[in-house]
Amino acid sequence: MEKYEEIEKTITKSYRKEIWKKFIQGITEYEMISEGDKIAVCISGGKDSMLMSKCFQELKKHRKMNFDVQFIVMDPGYNQINRQKIISNAKLLNIPIIIFETNIFNSVAEIQDHPCYLCARMRRGYLYEKAKELGCNKIALGHHFNDVIETILMGMFYGAQMQTMMPKVKSTSHPGMELIRPMYYIKEADIIRWVNRNNLEFIQCACRFTENYTNCNNSDGSSKREEMKTLIKDLKKVYDNIDINIFRSVQNVNLDTIISYRKKDNIYHFLDNYNN
């Protein structure tokens, strides 16, 4: 048996409950895949997107739904070591990747204010363009359960707003395109256990700044996400279900007890109809 076949078995056997069933749950519950879809599975080279790619391959084998996938890797200016690591891991895992180059890292290198936010926006745009070129109507990103709850807390603590990372989003800049997050229910700790079980090693972050900084986040480039990881870890020592409750808080919003909320360009305040 090939190494990649052994790894595939751990997804549907050893980690069936923690990974495979939750992957299926997210896709089914949020209706992420439709008949005839062509999905660009976006690989950054990290553990999350690589696992997501393997899950999609398993889904193609186990499901009867007619859809297609393309595994795309955008090189925004990786150093040679990181680029080669992605290629080697794709070969090891039997993932047929399509690599395309951009010059994003150089474009944001001299920007002082929020360079990582701009970098993330540019990467998203290039991914949509490549997916469209390949005839895809959706892109899949590897954000997981912990990314979701960390985003909720970051929005509250640093953005003064209640929001979440949505399981799927229609693109406003690329008509007809949609973003999906099939790893929505999978916990990072289970991904790490899967990685360790198979003795795999992935690059830590899709960013040149990992060469200089220990902590690198998916979007804001600061230590805010790491702060949230630490906070949640500490809170779980007091109450083990704290992460689940954070997640459920954005699924159980009672508008009768919210002072105000925004829907698109409109703001609704509780005093608007208070006397009615």
Protein backbone atom coordinates (compact mmCIF):
# COMPACT_ATOMS: atom_id res chain seq x y z
CA MET A 1 0.00 0.00 0.00
CA GLU A 2 1.28 3.46 -0.93
CA LYS A 3 1.91 6.02 1.81
CA TYR A 4 -0.89 8.29 0.56
CA GLU A 5 -3.34 5.38 0.72
CA GLU A 6 -2.44 4.77 4.37
CA ILE A 7 -2.98 8.48 5.07
CA GLU A 8 -6.35 8.41 3.33
CA LYS A 9 -7.49 5.55 5.52
CA THR A 10 -6.74 7.54 8.68
CA ILE A 11 -9.20 10.22 7.52
CA THR A 12 -12.15 7.88 7.07
CA LYS A 13 -11.20 5.31 9.72
CA SER A 14 -9.00 6.56 12.59
CA TYR A 15 -10.43 10.11 12.50
CA ARG A 16 -13.83 9.34 11.04
CA LYS A 17 -15.72 11.07 13.87
CA GLU A 18 -13.37 14.02 14.37
CA ILE A 19 -12.57 14.85 10.73
CA TRP A 20 -14.50 12.94 8.07
CA LYS A 21 -18.00 13.17 9.59
CA LYS A 22 -17.52 16.86 10.44
CA PHE A 23 -16.33 17.57 6.91
CA ILE A 24 -19.50 15.96 5.56
CA GLN A 25 -21.61 17.73 8.18
CA GLY A 26 -20.39 21.19 7.18
CA ILE A 27 -20.90 20.56 3.47
CA THR A 28 -24.37 19.06 3.99
CA GLU A 29 -25.71 21.44 6.62
CA TYR A 30 -24.68 24.59 4.76
CA GLU A 31 -25.37 23.21 1.26
CA MET A 32 -21.86 23.97 0.04
CA ILE A 33 -21.82 21.68 -3.01
CA SER A 34 -24.41 21.42 -5.76
CA GLU A 35 -24.74 19.13 -8.73
CA GLY A 36 -22.38 20.17 -11.51
CA ASP A 37 -20.12 22.36 -9.36
CA LYS A 38 -16.49 22.79 -10.27
CA ILE A 39 -14.56 23.71 -7.15
CA ALA A 40 -11.10 25.23 -6.92
CA VAL A 41 -9.61 23.76 -3.73
CA CYS A 42 -7.10 26.40 -2.63
CA ILE A 43 -3.89 25.08 -1.08
CA SER A 44 -1.63 27.38 0.93
CA GLY A 45 0.72 24.58 1.88
CA GLY A 46 -0.35 24.43 5.51
CA LYS A 47 -1.93 21.51 7.34
CA ASP A 48 -5.51 22.76 6.99
CA SER A 49 -5.66 23.17 3.23
CA MET A 50 -3.72 19.95 2.63
CA LEU A 51 -6.16 17.98 4.78
CA MET A 52 -9.08 19.69 3.05
CA SER A 53 -7.69 18.56 -0.31
CA LYS A 54 -7.50 14.95 0.87
CA CYS A 55 -11.07 15.18 2.19
CA PHE A 56 -12.26 16.40 -1.21
CA GLN A 57 -10.54 13.47 -2.88
CA GLU A 58 -12.30 11.11 -0.47
CA LEU A 59 -15.59 12.87 -1.12
CA LYS A 60 -15.17 12.29 -4.85
CA LYS A 61 -14.64 8.58 -4.18
CA HIS A 62 -17.45 8.10 -1.67
CA ARG A 63 -20.22 10.39 -2.87
CA LYS A 64 -22.52 10.06 -5.86
CA MET A 65 -22.94 13.80 -6.40
CA ASN A 66 -21.56 14.95 -9.74
CA PHE A 67 -18.98 17.67 -9.12
CA ASP A 68 -15.38 18.32 -10.10
CA VAL A 69 -12.34 19.76 -8.32
CA GLN A 70 -9.11 21.52 -9.22
CA PHE A 71 -6.34 21.77 -6.65
CA ILE A 72 -4.67 25.15 -7.04
CA VAL A 73 -1.62 26.61 -5.32
CA MET A 74 -0.92 30.31 -5.64
CA ASP A 75 2.73 31.22 -5.16
CA PRO A 76 2.70 34.82 -3.88
CA GLY A 77 6.49 34.84 -3.64
CA TYR A 78 7.45 31.91 -1.42
CA ASN A 79 11.09 31.25 -0.75
CA GLN A 80 12.38 28.17 -2.54
CA ILE A 81 12.26 26.02 0.61
CA ASN A 82 8.55 26.67 1.21
CA ARG A 83 7.65 26.24 -2.46
CA GLN A 84 9.50 22.93 -2.68
CA LYS A 85 7.89 21.75 0.57
CA ILE A 86 4.44 22.31 -0.93
CA ILE A 87 5.38 20.43 -4.09
CA SER A 88 6.90 17.53 -2.12
CA ASN A 89 3.88 17.22 0.18
CA ALA A 90 1.48 17.29 -2.77
CA LYS A 91 3.42 14.45 -4.37
CA LEU A 92 3.52 12.49 -1.10
CA LEU A 93 -0.24 12.93 -0.63
CA ASN A 94 -1.03 12.25 -4.30
CA ILE A 95 -2.66 15.65 -4.83
CA PRO A 96 -2.43 16.86 -8.46
CA ILE A 97 -1.75 20.56 -7.88
CA ILE A 98 -1.76 23.44 -10.34
CA ILE A 99 0.76 26.15 -9.32
CA PHE A 100 0.55 29.72 -10.56
CA GLU A 101 2.74 32.67 -9.64
CA THR A 102 1.90 36.17 -8.45
CA ASN A 103 4.06 38.96 -7.06
CA ILE A 104 1.97 39.76 -4.00
CA PHE A 105 4.70 39.61 -1.35
CA ASN A 106 6.83 42.16 -3.19
CA SER A 107 3.78 44.34 -3.77
CA VAL A 108 3.02 44.67 -0.05
CA ALA A 109 6.61 44.54 1.26
CA GLU A 110 6.92 48.32 1.70
CA ILE A 111 3.40 48.93 3.00
CA GLN A 112 3.38 49.95 6.66
CA ASP A 113 -0.34 49.98 7.52
CA HIS A 114 -2.00 46.55 7.63
CA PRO A 115 0.15 44.87 4.94
CA CYS A 116 -1.14 41.41 5.83
CA TYR A 117 -4.75 42.49 5.46
CA LEU A 118 -3.97 43.84 1.99
CA CYS A 119 -2.01 40.69 1.16
CA ALA A 120 -4.95 38.49 2.15
CA ARG A 121 -7.34 40.57 0.00
CA MET A 122 -5.00 40.35 -2.98
CA ARG A 123 -4.53 36.59 -2.56
CA ARG A 124 -8.30 36.10 -2.49
CA GLY A 125 -8.68 38.10 -5.69
CA TYR A 126 -6.00 36.10 -7.52
CA LEU A 127 -7.58 32.83 -6.38
CA TYR A 128 -10.95 33.89 -7.75
CA GLU A 129 -9.37 34.88 -11.07
CA LYS A 130 -7.48 31.59 -11.43
CA ALA A 131 -10.56 29.58 -10.46
CA LYS A 132 -12.62 31.42 -13.06
CA GLU A 133 -9.93 30.79 -15.66
CA LEU A 134 -10.15 27.05 -14.88
CA GLY A 135 -13.93 27.10 -15.29
CA CYS A 136 -14.69 26.83 -11.56
CA ASN A 137 -17.70 28.42 -9.89
CA LYS A 138 -16.50 28.04 -6.30
CA ILE A 139 -13.30 28.30 -4.29
CA ALA A 140 -12.79 26.28 -1.11
CA LEU A 141 -10.66 27.62 1.75
CA GLY A 142 -9.35 25.62 4.70
CA HIS A 143 -10.62 27.72 7.61
CA HIS A 144 -11.61 25.47 10.52
CA PHE A 145 -13.72 25.63 13.69
CA ASN A 146 -11.07 27.44 15.72
CA ASP A 147 -10.65 30.10 13.03
CA VAL A 148 -14.38 30.75 13.32
CA ILE A 149 -14.55 31.22 17.08
CA GLU A 150 -11.34 33.26 17.15
CA THR A 151 -12.84 35.56 14.51
CA ILE A 152 -15.98 36.02 16.63
CA LEU A 153 -13.92 37.13 19.64
CA MET A 154 -11.61 39.33 17.58
CA GLY A 155 -14.63 41.10 16.14
CA MET A 156 -16.01 41.75 19.63
CA PHE A 157 -12.78 42.74 21.36
CA TYR A 158 -11.01 44.68 18.63
CA GLY A 159 -13.72 45.55 16.11
CA ALA A 160 -16.56 46.38 18.53
CA GLN A 161 -18.93 44.30 16.44
CA MET A 162 -20.71 40.96 16.51
CA GLN A 163 -19.87 38.96 13.41
CA THR A 164 -18.58 35.59 12.33
CA MET A 165 -16.68 33.87 9.53
CA MET A 166 -19.48 32.59 7.31
CA PRO A 167 -19.48 28.98 6.02
CA LYS A 168 -20.12 30.22 2.50
CA VAL A 169 -20.20 33.64 0.82
CA LYS A 170 -21.16 34.85 -2.64
CA SER A 171 -18.43 36.98 -4.18
CA THR A 172 -19.41 40.62 -4.75
CA SER A 173 -16.41 41.34 -6.97
CA HIS A 174 -16.56 38.15 -9.07
CA PRO A 175 -20.18 37.52 -10.18
CA GLY A 176 -21.16 33.88 -10.26
CA MET A 177 -18.35 32.87 -7.90
CA GLU A 178 -18.78 31.60 -4.36
CA LEU A 179 -16.44 30.90 -1.44
CA ILE A 180 -17.02 27.82 0.74
CA ARG A 181 -15.37 26.63 3.98
CA PRO A 182 -15.86 22.84 4.23
CA MET A 183 -13.62 22.54 7.35
CA TYR A 184 -16.08 24.68 9.31
CA TYR A 185 -16.81 22.08 12.00
CA ILE A 186 -13.34 20.50 12.26
CA LYS A 187 -11.29 21.45 15.32
CA GLU A 188 -7.66 22.42 14.92
CA ALA A 189 -6.56 20.02 17.67
CA ASP A 190 -7.92 17.10 15.64
CA ILE A 191 -6.12 18.32 12.53
CA ILE A 192 -2.88 18.44 14.49
CA ARG A 193 -3.46 14.93 15.80
CA TRP A 194 -4.01 13.70 12.23
CA VAL A 195 -0.80 15.39 11.11
CA ASN A 196 1.21 13.85 13.94
CA ARG A 197 -0.35 10.42 13.46
CA ASN A 198 0.91 10.38 9.87
CA ASN A 199 4.28 12.01 10.61
CA LEU A 200 3.57 14.85 8.21
CA GLU A 201 5.24 18.25 8.13
CA PHE A 202 3.75 21.31 6.45
CA ILE A 203 4.75 24.95 6.11
CA GLN A 204 3.42 27.03 8.98
CA CYS A 205 1.88 29.96 7.15
CA ALA A 206 1.29 31.19 3.60
CA CYS A 207 3.37 34.29 4.25
CA ARG A 208 6.95 35.44 3.79
CA PHE A 209 6.87 36.97 7.26
CA THR A 210 7.16 33.49 8.79
CA GLU A 211 10.83 33.78 7.94
CA ASN A 212 11.13 36.57 10.50
CA TYR A 213 8.27 36.13 12.97
CA THR A 214 7.18 33.25 15.17
CA ASN A 215 3.48 34.13 15.20
CA CYS A 216 1.76 34.53 11.89
CA ASN A 217 -1.98 34.78 11.45
CA ASN A 218 -4.31 34.09 8.54
CA SER A 219 -5.43 37.64 7.95
CA ASP A 220 -4.32 40.45 10.21
CA GLY A 221 -0.60 39.73 10.55
CA SER A 222 -0.46 40.66 14.24
CA SER A 223 -0.62 38.62 17.44
CA LYS A 224 -4.36 39.17 17.91
CA ARG A 225 -5.34 35.70 16.72
CA GLU A 226 -2.69 34.14 18.93
CA GLU A 227 -4.13 36.11 21.84
CA MET A 228 -7.54 34.63 21.12
CA LYS A 229 -6.08 31.12 20.94
CA THR A 230 -4.48 31.58 24.34
CA LEU A 231 -7.61 33.13 25.85
CA ILE A 232 -9.85 30.30 24.65
CA LYS A 233 -7.36 27.72 25.89
CA ASP A 234 -7.35 29.32 29.34
CA LEU A 235 -11.15 29.60 29.45
CA LYS A 236 -11.52 25.92 28.55
CA LYS A 237 -9.66 25.08 31.75
CA VAL A 238 -12.59 26.61 33.62
CA TYR A 239 -15.42 25.44 31.33
CA ASP A 240 -14.68 22.81 28.70
CA ASN A 241 -17.57 23.74 26.38
CA ILE A 242 -16.62 27.42 26.13
CA ASP A 243 -15.52 27.07 22.48
CA ILE A 244 -18.81 25.38 21.54
CA ASN A 245 -20.79 28.14 23.26
CA ILE A 246 -18.85 30.87 21.46
CA PHE A 247 -19.65 29.15 18.18
CA ARG A 248 -23.34 28.74 19.02
CA SER A 249 -23.68 32.36 20.15
CA VAL A 250 -23.84 33.55 16.53
CA GLN A 251 -26.43 30.87 15.71
CA ASN A 252 -28.73 31.91 18.54
CA VAL A 253 -29.00 35.70 18.24
CA ASN A 254 -32.14 37.17 19.82
CA LEU A 255 -32.83 40.46 18.02
CA ASP A 256 -35.29 41.46 20.76
CA THR A 257 -32.35 41.83 23.13
CA ILE A 258 -29.95 43.57 20.72
CA ILE A 259 -29.63 47.36 20.94
CA SER A 260 -28.97 47.74 17.23
CA TYR A 261 -27.96 45.69 14.23
CA ARG A 262 -26.94 46.33 10.65
CA LYS A 263 -28.24 44.64 7.52
CA LYS A 264 -26.36 45.77 4.42
CA ASP A 265 -26.54 49.59 4.50
CA ASN A 266 -29.42 49.84 6.97
CA ILE A 267 -29.08 50.14 10.74
CA TYR A 268 -31.99 49.04 12.93
CA HIS A 269 -32.27 50.32 16.52
CA PHE A 270 -34.49 48.88 19.25
CA LEU A 271 -36.02 52.34 19.85
CA ASP A 272 -37.34 52.46 16.28
CA ASN A 273 -40.36 50.35 17.26
CA TYR A 274 -40.12 50.56 21.03
CA ASN A 275 -43.46 52.35 21.51
CA ASN A 276 -45.25 50.09 19.06
